Amino acid sequence: MICSLISLAVVYDRWLAFRANRKIDTRSLRSKVLAHLRKNDLSAAMEECKAARGPLASVILAGLRSYDQLKGKNESSETMRLVVGQVMDDYSAQAMSVVNKRLDVLTTIGTAAPLLGMTGTVTGMIASFSGLAEAGSMAGGGGEVANGISEAMVTTAAGLIIALLAVIPQSVFNRWSDEIELEIEEANSELVEFILTHH
């Protein structure tokens, strides 16, 4: 019961977070940022990121702020490329840790729930054999045996169902997380390439 409640709470929380992120038009954001940069309007590009929110916007904003600071120091394009790329890499690690927050709870429940079910199976079988031992014969202890086997089957089934309720959503969330990470990597490459070709 505790595992199932925790699992449902985490699934609901992560579903809301991923749903909010998937509403953001990230391709449009990236194209708008590049369009502003081509017009040499860095502040407008930064405002686009602030308005969009989400992990991708946060990483691009970190890169733009770094780019803005380096522009004022007249650094070479190679130095700027390296520094901005490193800043975005570092910030993307933080952004992805927020995206993947609490997914490890689903991993733990997906692993622990079947084990808890197996524990119930063992205790049920112990109860069955205890009933047989007390009755002294199969005919006399049939009720006790049936109760023990029923306990074993119910706990095993419950453990497997709870594990599935954790593992299946986690698989979907992992795929969405991978998509976000890929978009961040593409945005990083776009900004670094822009610095090399336009600075």
Protein backbone atom coordinates (compact mmCIF):
# COMPACT_ATOMS: atom_id res chain seq x y z
CA MET A 1 0.00 0.00 0.00
CA ILE A 2 2.79 2.40 0.94
CA CYS A 3 4.75 1.56 -2.23
CA SER A 4 1.69 2.02 -4.43
CA LEU A 5 0.80 5.40 -2.86
CA ILE A 6 4.38 6.70 -3.20
CA SER A 7 4.54 5.44 -6.79
CA LEU A 8 1.27 7.12 -7.76
CA ALA A 9 2.33 10.40 -6.13
CA VAL A 10 5.67 10.44 -8.00
CA VAL A 11 4.04 9.48 -11.32
CA TYR A 12 1.48 12.29 -10.96
CA ASP A 13 4.15 14.85 -9.98
CA ARG A 14 6.48 13.95 -12.87
CA TRP A 15 3.60 13.75 -15.36
CA LEU A 16 2.58 17.33 -14.50
CA ALA A 17 6.20 18.52 -14.87
CA PHE A 18 6.76 16.78 -18.22
CA ARG A 19 3.36 17.90 -19.53
CA ALA A 20 4.20 21.54 -18.72
CA ASN A 21 7.55 21.19 -20.49
CA ARG A 22 6.03 19.54 -23.58
CA LYS A 23 3.72 22.56 -24.03
CA ILE A 24 6.79 24.73 -24.70
CA ASP A 25 7.57 25.10 -28.42
CA THR A 26 11.30 24.51 -28.14
CA ARG A 27 11.99 24.62 -31.89
CA SER A 28 10.35 28.01 -32.11
CA LEU A 29 12.34 29.21 -29.09
CA ARG A 30 15.65 28.12 -30.64
CA SER A 31 14.86 29.79 -33.98
CA LYS A 32 13.77 33.03 -32.27
CA VAL A 33 16.95 33.13 -30.17
CA LEU A 34 19.14 32.64 -33.25
CA ALA A 35 17.16 35.28 -35.17
CA HIS A 36 17.76 37.82 -32.38
CA LEU A 37 21.45 36.91 -32.24
CA ARG A 38 21.82 37.43 -36.00
CA LYS A 39 20.37 40.93 -35.48
CA ASN A 40 22.94 41.41 -32.69
CA ASP A 41 20.08 41.80 -30.19
CA LEU A 42 21.37 39.70 -27.30
CA SER A 43 18.99 41.19 -24.71
CA ALA A 44 15.94 40.20 -26.81
CA ALA A 45 17.30 36.65 -27.13
CA MET A 46 17.69 36.49 -23.36
CA GLU A 47 14.16 37.80 -22.84
CA GLU A 48 12.81 35.02 -25.09
CA CYS A 49 14.45 32.45 -22.80
CA LYS A 50 13.14 34.11 -19.63
CA ALA A 51 9.60 34.13 -21.02
CA ALA A 52 9.73 30.50 -22.23
CA ARG A 53 11.00 28.88 -19.01
CA GLY A 54 11.80 25.15 -18.86
CA PRO A 55 15.14 23.30 -18.85
CA LEU A 56 16.08 24.12 -22.47
CA ALA A 57 15.39 27.84 -22.02
CA SER A 58 17.42 27.85 -18.77
CA VAL A 59 20.45 26.25 -20.44
CA ILE A 60 20.33 28.62 -23.45
CA LEU A 61 19.96 31.58 -21.08
CA ALA A 62 23.06 30.48 -19.12
CA GLY A 63 25.00 30.28 -22.40
CA LEU A 64 23.76 33.70 -23.54
CA ARG A 65 24.74 35.32 -20.25
CA SER A 66 28.21 33.83 -20.52
CA TYR A 67 28.44 35.02 -24.15
CA ASP A 68 27.36 38.51 -23.10
CA GLN A 69 30.07 38.71 -20.43
CA LEU A 70 32.79 37.49 -22.80
CA LYS A 71 31.73 39.88 -25.58
CA GLY A 72 32.52 42.81 -23.31
CA LYS A 73 36.04 41.48 -22.74
CA ASN A 74 36.81 41.12 -26.49
CA GLU A 75 37.78 37.46 -26.15
CA SER A 76 38.64 35.41 -29.24
CA SER A 77 35.86 33.37 -30.84
CA GLU A 78 37.64 30.11 -29.93
CA THR A 79 37.86 31.12 -26.25
CA MET A 80 34.22 32.17 -26.28
CA ARG A 81 33.20 28.90 -27.93
CA LEU A 82 34.99 26.84 -25.29
CA VAL A 83 33.74 28.87 -22.32
CA VAL A 84 30.12 29.14 -23.50
CA GLY A 85 30.07 25.44 -24.41
CA GLN A 86 31.42 24.49 -20.97
CA VAL A 87 28.94 26.76 -19.17
CA MET A 88 26.03 25.23 -21.09
CA ASP A 89 27.32 21.69 -20.44
CA ASP A 90 27.58 22.40 -16.70
CA TYR A 91 24.16 24.00 -16.54
CA SER A 92 22.55 21.23 -18.61
CA ALA A 93 23.70 18.71 -15.99
CA GLN A 94 21.85 20.72 -13.34
CA ALA A 95 18.78 21.11 -15.56
CA MET A 96 18.64 17.36 -16.28
CA SER A 97 18.94 16.55 -12.57
CA VAL A 98 15.77 18.62 -12.05
CA VAL A 99 14.05 16.90 -15.00
CA ASN A 100 14.93 13.44 -13.61
CA LYS A 101 14.04 14.34 -10.03
CA ARG A 102 12.37 11.51 -8.10
CA LEU A 103 12.55 9.04 -11.01
CA ASP A 104 14.93 6.96 -8.88
CA VAL A 105 12.00 6.46 -6.47
CA LEU A 106 10.14 4.63 -9.25
CA THR A 107 13.23 2.49 -9.89
CA THR A 108 13.37 1.54 -6.22
CA ILE A 109 9.66 0.69 -6.05
CA GLY A 110 9.85 -1.25 -9.33
CA THR A 111 12.59 -3.37 -7.78
CA ALA A 112 11.27 -3.60 -4.21
CA ALA A 113 7.58 -4.34 -4.89
CA PRO A 114 8.12 -7.80 -6.46
CA LEU A 115 10.52 -8.66 -3.62
CA LEU A 116 7.87 -7.68 -1.08
CA GLY A 117 5.42 -9.86 -3.02
CA MET A 118 7.85 -12.77 -2.89
CA THR A 119 8.20 -12.24 0.85
CA GLY A 120 4.42 -12.64 1.10
CA THR A 121 4.71 -15.80 -0.99
CA VAL A 122 7.24 -17.26 1.46
CA THR A 123 5.16 -16.35 4.54
CA GLY A 124 2.05 -17.80 2.84
CA MET A 125 3.82 -21.08 2.14
CA ILE A 126 5.10 -21.17 5.73
CA ALA A 127 1.50 -20.74 6.91
CA SER A 128 0.40 -23.57 4.58
CA PHE A 129 3.00 -26.02 5.86
CA SER A 130 2.31 -25.00 9.46
CA GLY A 131 -1.37 -25.80 8.90
CA LEU A 132 -0.44 -29.19 7.48
CA ALA A 133 1.89 -29.95 10.35
CA GLU A 134 -0.75 -29.08 12.95
CA ALA A 135 -3.49 -31.06 11.21
CA GLY A 136 -1.24 -34.04 10.65
CA SER A 137 -2.85 -34.88 7.31
CA MET A 138 -3.81 -33.23 4.02
CA ALA A 139 -7.51 -33.82 4.56
CA GLY A 140 -7.62 -32.20 7.97
CA GLY A 141 -5.49 -29.16 7.11
CA GLY A 142 -6.99 -28.32 3.72
CA GLY A 143 -8.43 -25.01 4.91
CA GLU A 144 -5.14 -23.83 6.39
CA VAL A 145 -3.25 -24.86 3.25
CA ALA A 146 -5.74 -23.02 1.03
CA ASN A 147 -5.46 -19.84 3.16
CA GLY A 148 -1.67 -19.94 3.03
CA ILE A 149 -1.59 -20.43 -0.75
CA SER A 150 -4.15 -17.65 -1.20
CA GLU A 151 -1.93 -15.29 0.82
CA ALA A 152 1.06 -16.30 -1.30
CA MET A 153 -0.73 -15.65 -4.60
CA VAL A 154 -2.33 -12.34 -3.54
CA THR A 155 0.92 -10.82 -2.30
CA THR A 156 2.82 -11.94 -5.41
CA ALA A 157 0.18 -10.47 -7.72
CA ALA A 158 0.04 -7.22 -5.73
CA GLY A 159 3.83 -6.86 -5.84
CA LEU A 160 3.93 -7.38 -9.61
CA ILE A 161 1.07 -4.95 -10.28
CA ILE A 162 2.67 -2.22 -8.15
CA ALA A 163 6.01 -2.80 -9.91
CA LEU A 164 4.33 -2.44 -13.32
CA LEU A 165 2.64 0.80 -12.20
CA ALA A 166 6.11 2.17 -11.40
CA VAL A 167 8.20 0.70 -14.24
CA ILE A 168 5.95 1.55 -17.21
CA PRO A 169 5.58 5.30 -16.39
CA GLN A 170 9.29 5.46 -15.59
CA SER A 171 10.11 4.10 -19.05
CA VAL A 172 7.93 6.81 -20.65
CA PHE A 173 9.46 9.54 -18.47
CA ASN A 174 12.98 8.33 -19.35
CA ARG A 175 12.16 8.63 -23.05
CA TRP A 176 10.84 12.18 -22.57
CA SER A 177 13.92 13.02 -20.52
CA ASP A 178 16.18 11.75 -23.34
CA GLU A 179 14.30 13.99 -25.80
CA ILE A 180 14.91 17.03 -23.58
CA GLU A 181 18.60 16.16 -23.24
CA LEU A 182 18.94 15.82 -27.02
CA GLU A 183 17.30 19.23 -27.55
CA ILE A 184 19.69 20.79 -25.04
CA GLU A 185 22.69 19.27 -26.86
CA GLU A 186 21.39 20.58 -30.20
CA ALA A 187 20.84 24.07 -28.75
CA ASN A 188 24.37 24.00 -27.30
CA SER A 189 25.80 23.12 -30.73
CA GLU A 190 23.74 25.85 -32.43
CA LEU A 191 24.92 28.57 -30.06
CA VAL A 192 28.57 27.47 -30.21
CA GLU A 193 28.42 27.35 -34.02
CA PHE A 194 26.89 30.83 -34.09
CA ILE A 195 29.74 32.20 -31.97
CA LEU A 196 32.34 30.64 -34.28
CA THR A 197 30.74 31.91 -37.52
CA HIS A 198 29.41 35.34 -36.46
CA HIS A 199 31.74 36.65 -33.76
